[in-house]
All heavy atoms as atom14 arrays in JSON, in Angstrom:
{
  "sequence": "WLPNDPRGSRSREIRCASIEALGELHYGPRRVQPAGR",
  "atom14_mask": [
    [1, 1, 1, 1, 1, 1, 1, 1, 1, 1, 1, 1, 1, 1],
    [1, 1, 1, 1, 1, 1, 1, 1, 0, 0, 0, 0, 0, 0],
    [1, 1, 1, 1, 1, 1, 1, 0, 0, 0, 0, 0, 0, 0],
    [1, 1, 1, 1, 1, 1, 1, 1, 0, 0, 0, 0, 0, 0],
    [1, 1, 1, 1, 1, 1, 1, 1, 0, 0, 0, 0, 0, 0],
    [1, 1, 1, 1, 1, 1, 1, 0, 0, 0, 0, 0, 0, 0],
    [1, 1, 1, 1, 1, 1, 1, 1, 1, 1, 1, 0, 0, 0],
    [1, 1, 1, 1, 0, 0, 0, 0, 0, 0, 0, 0, 0, 0],
    [1, 1, 1, 1, 1, 1, 0, 0, 0, 0, 0, 0, 0, 0],
    [1, 1, 1, 1, 1, 1, 1, 1, 1, 1, 1, 0, 0, 0],
    [1, 1, 1, 1, 1, 1, 0, 0, 0, 0, 0, 0, 0, 0],
    [1, 1, 1, 1, 1, 1, 1, 1, 1, 1, 1, 0, 0, 0],
    [1, 1, 1, 1, 1, 1, 1, 1, 1, 0, 0, 0, 0, 0],
    [1, 1, 1, 1, 1, 1, 1, 1, 0, 0, 0, 0, 0, 0],
    [1, 1, 1, 1, 1, 1, 1, 1, 1, 1, 1, 0, 0, 0],
    [1, 1, 1, 1, 1, 1, 0, 0, 0, 0, 0, 0, 0, 0],
    [1, 1, 1, 1, 1, 0, 0, 0, 0, 0, 0, 0, 0, 0],
    [1, 1, 1, 1, 1, 1, 0, 0, 0, 0, 0, 0, 0, 0],
    [1, 1, 1, 1, 1, 1, 1, 1, 0, 0, 0, 0, 0, 0],
    [1, 1, 1, 1, 1, 1, 1, 1, 1, 0, 0, 0, 0, 0],
    [1, 1, 1, 1, 1, 0, 0, 0, 0, 0, 0, 0, 0, 0],
    [1, 1, 1, 1, 1, 1, 1, 1, 0, 0, 0, 0, 0, 0],
    [1, 1, 1, 1, 0, 0, 0, 0, 0, 0, 0, 0, 0, 0],
    [1, 1, 1, 1, 1, 1, 1, 1, 1, 0, 0, 0, 0, 0],
    [1, 1, 1, 1, 1, 1, 1, 1, 0, 0, 0, 0, 0, 0],
    [1, 1, 1, 1, 1, 1, 1, 1, 1, 1, 0, 0, 0, 0],
    [1, 1, 1, 1, 1, 1, 1, 1, 1, 1, 1, 1, 0, 0],
    [1, 1, 1, 1, 0, 0, 0, 0, 0, 0, 0, 0, 0, 0],
    [1, 1, 1, 1, 1, 1, 1, 0, 0, 0, 0, 0, 0, 0],
    [1, 1, 1, 1, 1, 1, 1, 1, 1, 1, 1, 0, 0, 0],
    [1, 1, 1, 1, 1, 1, 1, 1, 1, 1, 1, 0, 0, 0],
    [1, 1, 1, 1, 1, 1, 1, 0, 0, 0, 0, 0, 0, 0],
    [1, 1, 1, 1, 1, 1, 1, 1, 1, 0, 0, 0, 0, 0],
    [1, 1, 1, 1, 1, 1, 1, 0, 0, 0, 0, 0, 0, 0],
    [1, 1, 1, 1, 1, 0, 0, 0, 0, 0, 0, 0, 0, 0],
    [1, 1, 1, 1, 0, 0, 0, 0, 0, 0, 0, 0, 0, 0],
    [1, 1, 1, 1, 1, 1, 1, 1, 1, 1, 1, 0, 0, 0]
  ],
  "atom14_positions": [
    [[127.39, 75.91, -71.28], [128.69, 76.21, -71.95], [129.75, 76.5, -70.95], [130.24, 77.68, -70.91], [128.4, 77.42, -72.91], [129.21, 77.23, -74.11], [130.58, 77.34, -74.2], [128.86, 76.94, -75.49], [131.05, 77.05, -75.4], [129.96, 76.78, -76.23], [127.62, 76.85, -76.07], [129.93, 76.67, -77.5], [127.4, 76.5, -77.41], [128.76, 76.44, -78.05]],
    [[130.2, 75.46, -70.35], [131.21, 75.62, -69.37], [132.53, 75.82, -70.15], [132.69, 75.58, -71.39], [131.28, 74.29, -68.5], [130.08, 74.09, -67.7], [130.2, 72.74, -67.05], [130.04, 75.15, -66.57], [0.0, 0.0, 0.0], [0.0, 0.0, 0.0], [0.0, 0.0, 0.0], [0.0, 0.0, 0.0], [0.0, 0.0, 0.0], [0.0, 0.0, 0.0]],
    [[133.61, 76.27, -69.34], [134.92, 76.54, -69.95], [135.56, 75.35, -70.84], [136.16, 75.63, -71.81], [135.83, 76.88, -68.8], [134.96, 77.41, -67.75], [133.65, 76.55, -67.96], [0.0, 0.0, 0.0], [0.0, 0.0, 0.0], [0.0, 0.0, 0.0], [0.0, 0.0, 0.0], [0.0, 0.0, 0.0], [0.0, 0.0, 0.0], [0.0, 0.0, 0.0]],
    [[135.2, 74.07, -70.34], [135.79, 72.93, -71.11], [134.7, 72.19, -71.83], [134.75, 70.92, -71.98], [136.42, 71.92, -70.04], [135.69, 71.74, -68.81], [134.66, 72.35, -68.61], [136.13, 70.78, -67.97], [0.0, 0.0, 0.0], [0.0, 0.0, 0.0], [0.0, 0.0, 0.0], [0.0, 0.0, 0.0], [0.0, 0.0, 0.0], [0.0, 0.0, 0.0]],
    [[133.72, 72.96, -72.33], [132.68, 72.54, -73.22], [133.34, 71.68, -74.38], [134.34, 72.25, -74.89], [131.76, 73.56, -73.69], [130.59, 73.12, -74.48], [130.69, 72.54, -75.54], [129.42, 73.32, -73.94], [0.0, 0.0, 0.0], [0.0, 0.0, 0.0], [0.0, 0.0, 0.0], [0.0, 0.0, 0.0], [0.0, 0.0, 0.0], [0.0, 0.0, 0.0]],
    [[132.81, 70.56, -74.72], [133.53, 69.83, -75.83], [133.54, 70.63, -77.23], [134.36, 70.25, -78.11], [132.55, 68.6, -76.03], [131.94, 68.41, -74.73], [131.73, 69.76, -74.15], [0.0, 0.0, 0.0], [0.0, 0.0, 0.0], [0.0, 0.0, 0.0], [0.0, 0.0, 0.0], [0.0, 0.0, 0.0], [0.0, 0.0, 0.0], [0.0, 0.0, 0.0]],
    [[132.67, 71.56, -77.33], [132.58, 72.34, -78.6], [133.65, 73.46, -78.52], [133.91, 74.14, -79.69], [131.17, 73.01, -78.75], [130.1, 72.06, -78.95], [128.71, 72.66, -78.83], [128.52, 72.96, -77.33], [127.39, 73.34, -76.81], [126.31, 73.58, -77.78], [127.15, 73.52, -75.54], [0.0, 0.0, 0.0], [0.0, 0.0, 0.0], [0.0, 0.0, 0.0]],
    [[134.35, 73.7, -77.4], [135.32, 74.73, -77.34], [134.7, 75.91, -76.62], [133.35, 76.0, -76.56], [0.0, 0.0, 0.0], [0.0, 0.0, 0.0], [0.0, 0.0, 0.0], [0.0, 0.0, 0.0], [0.0, 0.0, 0.0], [0.0, 0.0, 0.0], [0.0, 0.0, 0.0], [0.0, 0.0, 0.0], [0.0, 0.0, 0.0], [0.0, 0.0, 0.0]],
    [[135.36, 76.81, -76.19], [134.84, 78.03, -75.44], [135.71, 79.3, -75.65], [136.83, 79.15, -76.17], [134.57, 77.72, -73.99], [135.69, 77.79, -73.19], [0.0, 0.0, 0.0], [0.0, 0.0, 0.0], [0.0, 0.0, 0.0], [0.0, 0.0, 0.0], [0.0, 0.0, 0.0], [0.0, 0.0, 0.0], [0.0, 0.0, 0.0], [0.0, 0.0, 0.0]],
    [[135.32, 80.34, -75.07], [136.16, 81.53, -75.03], [136.89, 81.65, -73.74], [137.58, 82.71, -73.54], [135.31, 82.68, -75.27], [134.66, 82.84, -76.82], [135.71, 82.91, -77.8], [135.17, 82.95, -79.15], [135.95, 83.0, -80.31], [137.33, 82.98, -80.19], [135.37, 83.04, -81.4], [0.0, 0.0, 0.0], [0.0, 0.0, 0.0], [0.0, 0.0, 0.0]],
    [[136.9, 80.68, -72.89], [137.54, 80.81, -71.71], [139.1, 80.32, -71.76], [139.45, 79.47, -72.63], [136.85, 79.87, -70.71], [135.6, 80.22, -70.38], [0.0, 0.0, 0.0], [0.0, 0.0, 0.0], [0.0, 0.0, 0.0], [0.0, 0.0, 0.0], [0.0, 0.0, 0.0], [0.0, 0.0, 0.0], [0.0, 0.0, 0.0], [0.0, 0.0, 0.0]],
    [[139.96, 80.9, -70.97], [141.31, 80.53, -71.1], [141.75, 79.67, -69.78], [142.91, 79.38, -69.64], [142.24, 81.78, -71.23], [141.91, 82.43, -72.59], [143.02, 83.51, -72.83], [142.8, 84.28, -74.09], [143.27, 83.85, -75.34], [144.05, 82.56, -75.3], [143.08, 84.45, -76.4], [0.0, 0.0, 0.0], [0.0, 0.0, 0.0], [0.0, 0.0, 0.0]],
    [[140.86, 79.72, -68.82], [141.24, 78.92, -67.61], [139.99, 78.34, -66.98], [138.88, 78.74, -67.36], [141.92, 79.83, -66.58], [141.08, 80.92, -66.14], [141.8, 81.88, -65.16], [142.56, 81.29, -64.37], [141.6, 83.06, -65.15], [0.0, 0.0, 0.0], [0.0, 0.0, 0.0], [0.0, 0.0, 0.0], [0.0, 0.0, 0.0], [0.0, 0.0, 0.0]],
    [[140.14, 77.33, -66.24], [139.05, 76.73, -65.5], [139.22, 77.11, -64.02], [140.15, 76.81, -63.45], [139.0, 75.21, -65.68], [138.88, 74.77, -67.17], [137.78, 74.58, -64.95], [139.07, 73.26, -67.43], [0.0, 0.0, 0.0], [0.0, 0.0, 0.0], [0.0, 0.0, 0.0], [0.0, 0.0, 0.0], [0.0, 0.0, 0.0], [0.0, 0.0, 0.0]],
    [[138.34, 77.85, -63.46], [138.36, 78.33, -62.21], [137.69, 77.48, -61.1], [137.96, 77.59, -59.92], [137.88, 79.72, -62.1], [138.5, 80.67, -62.87], [138.01, 82.07, -62.82], [138.68, 83.09, -63.67], [138.35, 84.43, -63.73], [137.38, 84.78, -63.05], [139.12, 85.21, -64.55], [0.0, 0.0, 0.0], [0.0, 0.0, 0.0], [0.0, 0.0, 0.0]],
    [[136.95, 76.52, -61.65], [136.15, 75.73, -60.67], [136.65, 74.27, -60.68], [136.61, 73.53, -61.71], [134.53, 75.63, -61.18], [133.57, 74.54, -60.02], [0.0, 0.0, 0.0], [0.0, 0.0, 0.0], [0.0, 0.0, 0.0], [0.0, 0.0, 0.0], [0.0, 0.0, 0.0], [0.0, 0.0, 0.0], [0.0, 0.0, 0.0], [0.0, 0.0, 0.0]],
    [[137.29, 73.87, -59.47], [137.92, 72.49, -59.43], [137.07, 71.45, -59.7], [137.4, 70.38, -60.24], [138.56, 72.36, -58.14], [0.0, 0.0, 0.0], [0.0, 0.0, 0.0], [0.0, 0.0, 0.0], [0.0, 0.0, 0.0], [0.0, 0.0, 0.0], [0.0, 0.0, 0.0], [0.0, 0.0, 0.0], [0.0, 0.0, 0.0], [0.0, 0.0, 0.0]],
    [[135.7, 71.58, -59.3], [134.8, 70.51, -59.45], [134.48, 70.05, -60.88], [134.04, 68.89, -61.22], [133.51, 70.82, -58.73], [132.88, 71.83, -59.4], [0.0, 0.0, 0.0], [0.0, 0.0, 0.0], [0.0, 0.0, 0.0], [0.0, 0.0, 0.0], [0.0, 0.0, 0.0], [0.0, 0.0, 0.0], [0.0, 0.0, 0.0], [0.0, 0.0, 0.0]],
    [[134.67, 70.92, -61.85], [134.49, 70.59, -63.32], [135.68, 70.42, -64.01], [135.58, 70.0, -65.3], [133.61, 71.64, -63.85], [134.34, 73.02, -64.04], [132.31, 71.89, -63.25], [133.67, 74.08, -64.94], [0.0, 0.0, 0.0], [0.0, 0.0, 0.0], [0.0, 0.0, 0.0], [0.0, 0.0, 0.0], [0.0, 0.0, 0.0], [0.0, 0.0, 0.0]],
    [[136.82, 70.49, -63.43], [138.1, 70.35, -64.16], [138.25, 69.01, -64.74], [138.86, 68.87, -65.83], [139.35, 70.82, -63.21], [140.65, 71.08, -64.0], [141.6, 71.68, -63.08], [141.31, 71.89, -61.89], [142.69, 71.98, -63.63], [0.0, 0.0, 0.0], [0.0, 0.0, 0.0], [0.0, 0.0, 0.0], [0.0, 0.0, 0.0], [0.0, 0.0, 0.0]],
    [[137.78, 68.06, -64.01], [137.91, 66.67, -64.51], [137.09, 66.25, -65.58], [137.15, 65.2, -66.19], [137.69, 65.65, -63.24], [0.0, 0.0, 0.0], [0.0, 0.0, 0.0], [0.0, 0.0, 0.0], [0.0, 0.0, 0.0], [0.0, 0.0, 0.0], [0.0, 0.0, 0.0], [0.0, 0.0, 0.0], [0.0, 0.0, 0.0], [0.0, 0.0, 0.0]],
    [[136.09, 67.11, -66.02], [135.04, 66.82, -67.03], [135.74, 66.79, -68.49], [135.17, 66.19, -69.44], [133.95, 67.82, -67.07], [133.23, 67.81, -65.69], [132.08, 68.99, -65.91], [132.51, 66.47, -65.46], [0.0, 0.0, 0.0], [0.0, 0.0, 0.0], [0.0, 0.0, 0.0], [0.0, 0.0, 0.0], [0.0, 0.0, 0.0], [0.0, 0.0, 0.0]],
    [[136.9, 67.55, -68.71], [137.43, 67.53, -70.03], [138.55, 68.66, -70.11], [138.57, 69.55, -69.16], [0.0, 0.0, 0.0], [0.0, 0.0, 0.0], [0.0, 0.0, 0.0], [0.0, 0.0, 0.0], [0.0, 0.0, 0.0], [0.0, 0.0, 0.0], [0.0, 0.0, 0.0], [0.0, 0.0, 0.0], [0.0, 0.0, 0.0], [0.0, 0.0, 0.0]],
    [[139.23, 68.63, -71.13], [140.28, 69.65, -71.31], [139.74, 70.9, -71.9], [138.7, 71.05, -72.42], [141.45, 69.11, -72.21], [140.82, 68.81, -73.71], [141.96, 68.46, -74.68], [143.11, 68.08, -74.19], [141.64, 68.23, -75.69], [0.0, 0.0, 0.0], [0.0, 0.0, 0.0], [0.0, 0.0, 0.0], [0.0, 0.0, 0.0], [0.0, 0.0, 0.0]],
    [[140.45, 71.94, -71.57], [140.13, 73.23, -72.09], [140.5, 73.47, -73.58], [141.6, 73.15, -73.93], [140.79, 74.4, -71.29], [140.45, 75.84, -71.46], [139.02, 76.04, -71.02], [141.47, 76.78, -70.66], [0.0, 0.0, 0.0], [0.0, 0.0, 0.0], [0.0, 0.0, 0.0], [0.0, 0.0, 0.0], [0.0, 0.0, 0.0], [0.0, 0.0, 0.0]],
    [[139.7, 74.05, -74.42], [139.97, 74.23, -75.81], [139.57, 75.62, -76.1], [138.25, 75.86, -76.13], [139.34, 73.3, -76.65], [139.81, 73.45, -78.22], [139.26, 74.39, -79.04], [140.73, 72.84, -78.91], [139.88, 74.35, -80.23], [140.69, 73.31, -80.23], [0.0, 0.0, 0.0], [0.0, 0.0, 0.0], [0.0, 0.0, 0.0], [0.0, 0.0, 0.0]],
    [[140.43, 76.58, -76.28], [140.15, 78.02, -76.57], [139.43, 78.14, -78.0], [140.23, 77.77, -79.03], [141.22, 78.99, -76.36], [140.8, 80.41, -76.6], [140.1, 81.08, -75.7], [141.15, 81.0, -77.71], [139.71, 82.39, -75.93], [140.84, 82.32, -78.09], [140.11, 83.05, -77.15], [139.69, 84.28, -77.36], [0.0, 0.0, 0.0], [0.0, 0.0, 0.0]],
    [[138.43, 78.65, -78.23], [137.82, 78.98, -79.51], [136.98, 77.63, -79.94], [137.05, 76.54, -79.26], [0.0, 0.0, 0.0], [0.0, 0.0, 0.0], [0.0, 0.0, 0.0], [0.0, 0.0, 0.0], [0.0, 0.0, 0.0], [0.0, 0.0, 0.0], [0.0, 0.0, 0.0], [0.0, 0.0, 0.0], [0.0, 0.0, 0.0], [0.0, 0.0, 0.0]],
    [[136.14, 77.74, -80.91], [135.44, 76.58, -81.4], [136.27, 75.51, -81.94], [137.26, 75.82, -82.75], [134.49, 77.18, -82.52], [135.16, 78.47, -82.9], [135.85, 79.0, -81.73], [0.0, 0.0, 0.0], [0.0, 0.0, 0.0], [0.0, 0.0, 0.0], [0.0, 0.0, 0.0], [0.0, 0.0, 0.0], [0.0, 0.0, 0.0], [0.0, 0.0, 0.0]],
    [[136.1, 74.26, -81.64], [136.83, 73.21, -82.3], [136.54, 73.14, -83.87], [135.39, 73.3, -84.24], [136.49, 71.9, -81.68], [136.98, 71.76, -80.19], [136.66, 70.34, -79.64], [137.13, 70.26, -78.29], [138.34, 70.04, -77.86], [139.38, 69.82, -78.77], [138.66, 69.85, -76.58], [0.0, 0.0, 0.0], [0.0, 0.0, 0.0], [0.0, 0.0, 0.0]],
    [[137.56, 72.81, -84.56], [137.39, 72.69, -86.04], [136.38, 71.57, -86.42], [135.45, 71.78, -87.26], [138.7, 72.34, -86.63], [138.72, 72.42, -88.15], [140.09, 72.28, -88.81], [140.65, 70.92, -88.41], [140.39, 69.83, -89.08], [139.54, 69.72, -90.08], [140.98, 68.81, -88.75], [0.0, 0.0, 0.0], [0.0, 0.0, 0.0], [0.0, 0.0, 0.0]],
    [[136.44, 70.42, -85.63], [135.49, 69.41, -85.87], [134.58, 69.41, -84.63], [135.09, 69.07, -83.54], [136.2, 68.05, -86.09], [135.16, 66.89, -86.28], [137.01, 68.04, -87.27], [0.0, 0.0, 0.0], [0.0, 0.0, 0.0], [0.0, 0.0, 0.0], [0.0, 0.0, 0.0], [0.0, 0.0, 0.0], [0.0, 0.0, 0.0], [0.0, 0.0, 0.0]],
    [[133.35, 69.63, -84.85], [132.41, 69.69, -83.75], [131.91, 68.31, -83.3], [131.69, 67.52, -84.07], [131.21, 70.62, -84.09], [131.49, 72.16, -84.14], [131.73, 72.63, -82.63], [130.83, 72.71, -81.82], [132.99, 73.08, -82.55], [0.0, 0.0, 0.0], [0.0, 0.0, 0.0], [0.0, 0.0, 0.0], [0.0, 0.0, 0.0], [0.0, 0.0, 0.0]],
    [[131.75, 68.19, -81.89], [131.4, 66.85, -81.34], [129.98, 66.41, -81.64], [129.13, 67.37, -81.98], [131.65, 66.96, -79.86], [131.54, 68.42, -79.57], [132.02, 69.1, -80.87], [0.0, 0.0, 0.0], [0.0, 0.0, 0.0], [0.0, 0.0, 0.0], [0.0, 0.0, 0.0], [0.0, 0.0, 0.0], [0.0, 0.0, 0.0], [0.0, 0.0, 0.0]],
    [[129.65, 65.14, -81.62], [128.23, 64.86, -81.9], [127.39, 65.29, -80.67], [127.88, 65.46, -79.58], [128.28, 63.21, -81.98], [0.0, 0.0, 0.0], [0.0, 0.0, 0.0], [0.0, 0.0, 0.0], [0.0, 0.0, 0.0], [0.0, 0.0, 0.0], [0.0, 0.0, 0.0], [0.0, 0.0, 0.0], [0.0, 0.0, 0.0], [0.0, 0.0, 0.0]],
    [[126.17, 65.36, -80.89], [125.22, 65.85, -79.81], [125.25, 64.9, -78.66], [125.11, 65.2, -77.55], [0.0, 0.0, 0.0], [0.0, 0.0, 0.0], [0.0, 0.0, 0.0], [0.0, 0.0, 0.0], [0.0, 0.0, 0.0], [0.0, 0.0, 0.0], [0.0, 0.0, 0.0], [0.0, 0.0, 0.0], [0.0, 0.0, 0.0], [0.0, 0.0, 0.0]],
    [[125.55, 63.56, -78.79], [125.57, 62.61, -77.7], [126.69, 62.96, -76.81], [126.56, 62.97, -75.54], [125.85, 61.18, -78.26], [126.11, 60.19, -77.28], [126.46, 58.81, -77.85], [127.61, 58.98, -78.9], [128.81, 59.11, -78.52], [129.1, 59.0, -77.3], [129.85, 59.16, -79.52], [0.0, 0.0, 0.0], [0.0, 0.0, 0.0], [0.0, 0.0, 0.0]]
  ]
}
């Protein structure tokens, strides 16, 4: 459950540069949750 988890998170910033490229930050749960894949 990283800060930029596709489901959304409670994080407001990404402090680790190595994971920043994995996806955008979304505060709170996304209204439409992503597929398990």
